Amino acid sequence: MSAPQTPFDYEAALLACARGERRALQRLYEQESPRLLGVVQRIVIDRARAEDIVHDAFIKIWSSAASFDPSRGSARGWMFTVARHLALNSVRNSAREVSTDDDSHVQTTVEGWQETHDAFDWRVNPGRIHTCLEQLEPVRRNCIFHAYVDGYSHQQIAQKLGAPLGTVKAWIKRSLASLRECIG
């Protein structure tokens, strides 16, 4: 009869990674890479791509281990979140890629990509967007600027403002609808 095996301590391993202990990363990899691969492969489908993402996830886990905060969740959950975000970003990025296999029908000059008219003619009423933005409450206007000028994610905006994520998403959605109505 063998002695009961002690559960793997993910938190201790992450803290060791934060201290620069490479063996801790190796133990994390041995313990969790098969399951991470399974999760990532369900998202991206392609096995080779999933393997690359899991590799990248462990690099990110190693380099970001110091940012792990046990008060916000489990170490294992944090690792899965890192891998999942990389997989989702990969899917989003590949959806944006344009196939160039058969580009014989595409006009390659810059003029070929330009629309014949502006979707919004700024010359007709250049102050219109400013007037519409001024009609928004300051916190909602700031959300729009943080998202579309500063390039912040909804999560980053919520952290910056100290507001719940759902509230920030609702503010942005409603503000965009207000702007569309005002400009339109």
Protein backbone atom coordinates (compact mmCIF):
# COMPACT_ATOMS: atom_id res chain seq x y z
CA MET A 1 0.00 0.00 0.00
CA SER A 2 1.49 3.33 -1.07
CA ALA A 3 1.28 6.55 0.90
CA PRO A 4 -1.34 9.06 -0.24
CA GLN A 5 0.09 11.56 -2.65
CA THR A 6 0.01 15.19 -1.52
CA PRO A 7 -1.85 17.50 -3.89
CA PHE A 8 0.24 19.64 -6.21
CA ASP A 9 0.72 23.15 -4.81
CA TYR A 10 0.16 25.43 -7.79
CA GLU A 11 0.42 28.60 -5.75
CA ALA A 12 3.81 27.64 -4.30
CA ALA A 13 5.04 26.73 -7.78
CA LEU A 14 3.92 30.10 -9.20
CA LEU A 15 5.58 31.94 -6.33
CA ALA A 16 8.77 29.97 -7.03
CA CYS A 17 8.51 30.98 -10.71
CA ALA A 18 8.21 34.60 -9.60
CA ARG A 19 11.49 34.11 -7.71
CA GLY A 20 13.12 32.78 -10.88
CA GLU A 21 13.18 29.07 -10.01
CA ARG A 22 13.11 27.31 -13.39
CA ARG A 23 12.46 23.92 -11.81
CA ALA A 24 9.10 25.25 -10.59
CA LEU A 25 8.10 26.07 -14.16
CA GLN A 26 9.14 22.58 -15.24
CA ARG A 27 6.97 21.07 -12.46
CA LEU A 28 4.02 23.24 -13.53
CA TYR A 29 4.54 22.17 -17.14
CA GLU A 30 4.70 18.49 -16.24
CA GLN A 31 1.64 18.78 -14.03
CA GLU A 32 -0.66 20.87 -16.21
CA SER A 33 0.45 21.00 -19.86
CA PRO A 34 -1.72 18.07 -21.04
CA ARG A 35 -4.88 19.67 -19.61
CA LEU A 36 -3.97 23.13 -20.90
CA LEU A 37 -3.38 21.62 -24.33
CA GLY A 38 -6.83 20.06 -24.23
CA VAL A 39 -8.50 23.36 -23.33
CA VAL A 40 -6.57 25.35 -25.93
CA GLN A 41 -7.15 22.75 -28.65
CA ARG A 42 -10.91 22.94 -28.07
CA ILE A 43 -10.68 26.67 -28.77
CA VAL A 44 -8.31 26.73 -31.75
CA ILE A 45 -9.01 23.22 -33.13
CA ASP A 46 -5.58 22.77 -34.78
CA ARG A 47 -3.25 20.65 -32.61
CA ALA A 48 0.01 22.26 -33.80
CA ARG A 49 -1.37 25.74 -33.20
CA ALA A 50 -2.61 24.65 -29.77
CA GLU A 51 0.84 23.32 -28.89
CA ASP A 52 2.39 26.67 -29.88
CA ILE A 53 -0.13 28.54 -27.75
CA VAL A 54 0.51 26.30 -24.73
CA HIS A 55 4.24 26.96 -25.18
CA ASP A 56 3.53 30.71 -25.29
CA ALA A 57 1.26 30.35 -22.25
CA PHE A 58 4.05 28.85 -20.19
CA ILE A 59 6.39 31.64 -21.25
CA LYS A 60 3.76 34.15 -20.14
CA ILE A 61 3.16 32.21 -16.91
CA TRP A 62 6.91 32.34 -16.23
CA SER A 63 7.27 36.04 -17.05
CA SER A 64 4.05 37.11 -15.30
CA ALA A 65 4.13 34.83 -12.26
CA ALA A 66 4.82 37.80 -9.98
CA SER A 67 1.50 39.35 -11.04
CA PHE A 68 -0.48 36.35 -9.74
CA ASP A 69 -2.64 37.46 -6.84
CA PRO A 70 -3.97 34.59 -4.70
CA SER A 71 -6.72 36.84 -3.31
CA ARG A 72 -8.26 37.03 -6.79
CA GLY A 73 -8.43 33.30 -7.48
CA SER A 74 -6.59 30.01 -7.61
CA ALA A 75 -3.16 29.63 -9.16
CA ARG A 76 -4.41 26.87 -11.43
CA GLY A 77 -7.34 29.01 -12.55
CA TRP A 78 -4.94 31.86 -13.29
CA MET A 79 -2.84 29.58 -15.48
CA PHE A 80 -5.92 28.43 -17.40
CA THR A 81 -6.99 32.06 -17.85
CA VAL A 82 -3.58 32.93 -19.33
CA ALA A 83 -3.79 30.03 -21.80
CA ARG A 84 -7.44 30.69 -22.66
CA HIS A 85 -6.80 34.38 -23.39
CA LEU A 86 -3.89 33.52 -25.67
CA ALA A 87 -6.05 30.98 -27.51
CA LEU A 88 -8.94 33.40 -27.92
CA ASN A 89 -6.58 36.14 -29.12
CA SER A 90 -5.14 33.71 -31.65
CA VAL A 91 -8.61 32.89 -32.96
CA ARG A 92 -9.51 36.61 -33.17
CA ASN A 93 -6.23 37.47 -34.90
CA SER A 94 -6.57 34.69 -37.45
CA ALA A 95 -10.12 35.83 -38.22
CA ARG A 96 -8.68 39.24 -39.13
CA GLU A 97 -6.07 37.83 -41.50
CA VAL A 98 -6.82 38.29 -45.17
CA SER A 99 -6.13 35.39 -47.47
CA THR A 100 -3.75 36.33 -50.28
CA ASP A 101 -3.83 32.99 -52.06
CA ASP A 102 -6.03 34.25 -54.88
CA ASP A 103 -5.61 37.98 -55.11
CA SER A 104 -5.75 38.22 -58.90
CA HIS A 105 -9.10 40.00 -58.67
CA VAL A 106 -7.86 42.56 -56.13
CA GLN A 107 -6.69 45.95 -57.31
CA THR A 108 -3.42 46.53 -55.50
CA THR A 109 -3.22 50.31 -55.69
CA VAL A 110 -4.17 52.43 -52.72
CA GLU A 111 -6.91 54.05 -54.79
CA GLY A 112 -8.49 50.63 -55.24
CA TRP A 113 -9.14 50.38 -51.50
CA GLN A 114 -10.56 53.85 -51.05
CA GLU A 115 -14.29 54.38 -50.94
CA THR A 116 -15.70 56.85 -53.42
CA HIS A 117 -17.19 58.90 -50.57
CA ASP A 118 -16.59 59.30 -46.86
CA ALA A 119 -18.98 57.41 -44.65
CA PHE A 120 -19.12 60.58 -42.55
CA ASP A 121 -18.28 63.80 -44.31
CA TRP A 122 -16.34 65.79 -41.71
CA ARG A 123 -16.32 68.89 -43.92
CA VAL A 124 -20.11 69.27 -43.85
CA ASN A 125 -20.23 69.80 -40.08
CA PRO A 126 -16.81 69.42 -38.47
CA GLY A 127 -18.08 70.23 -34.96
CA ARG A 128 -20.84 67.65 -35.03
CA ILE A 129 -18.87 64.84 -33.37
CA HIS A 130 -17.61 67.23 -30.72
CA THR A 131 -21.14 68.43 -30.00
CA CYS A 132 -22.36 64.84 -29.75
CA LEU A 133 -19.51 63.87 -27.43
CA GLU A 134 -20.23 66.88 -25.21
CA GLN A 135 -23.79 65.64 -24.75
CA LEU A 136 -22.52 62.48 -23.05
CA GLU A 137 -22.02 62.39 -19.29
CA PRO A 138 -18.32 62.89 -18.49
CA VAL A 139 -17.81 59.35 -17.18
CA ARG A 140 -19.35 57.87 -20.33
CA ARG A 141 -17.36 60.20 -22.60
CA ASN A 142 -14.20 59.14 -20.74
CA CYS A 143 -15.09 55.47 -21.32
CA ILE A 144 -15.39 56.14 -25.06
CA PHE A 145 -12.05 57.97 -25.15
CA HIS A 146 -10.30 55.28 -23.10
CA ALA A 147 -11.66 52.56 -25.39
CA TYR A 148 -11.25 54.18 -28.81
CA VAL A 149 -8.46 56.71 -28.35
CA ASP A 150 -6.31 55.13 -25.64
CA GLY A 151 -7.04 51.56 -26.80
CA TYR A 152 -7.92 50.29 -23.31
CA SER A 153 -9.89 47.06 -22.90
CA HIS A 154 -13.19 47.18 -21.04
CA GLN A 155 -11.45 45.50 -18.09
CA GLN A 156 -8.72 48.15 -18.03
CA ILE A 157 -11.30 50.94 -18.12
CA ALA A 158 -13.23 49.33 -15.26
CA GLN A 159 -10.04 49.13 -13.20
CA LYS A 160 -9.06 52.70 -14.04
CA LEU A 161 -12.49 54.06 -13.05
CA GLY A 162 -13.08 51.68 -10.16
CA ALA A 163 -16.39 50.67 -11.74
CA PRO A 164 -17.85 47.19 -12.30
CA LEU A 165 -16.97 45.66 -15.66
CA GLY A 166 -20.63 45.17 -16.63
CA THR A 167 -21.36 48.84 -15.91
CA VAL A 168 -18.47 49.99 -18.09
CA LYS A 169 -19.64 47.74 -20.94
CA ALA A 170 -23.18 49.12 -20.64
CA TRP A 171 -21.91 52.73 -20.59
CA ILE A 172 -19.88 52.18 -23.74
CA LYS A 173 -22.71 50.41 -25.55
CA ARG A 174 -25.25 53.10 -24.67
CA SER A 175 -22.80 55.91 -25.44
CA LEU A 176 -22.07 54.50 -28.88
CA ALA A 177 -25.80 54.23 -29.56
CA SER A 178 -26.26 57.87 -28.45
CA LEU A 179 -23.41 58.98 -30.69
CA ARG A 180 -24.85 57.09 -33.67
CA GLU A 181 -28.23 58.70 -33.12
CA CYS A 182 -26.75 62.18 -32.69
CA ILE A 183 -24.49 61.96 -35.75
CA GLY A 184 -26.92 60.03 -37.91
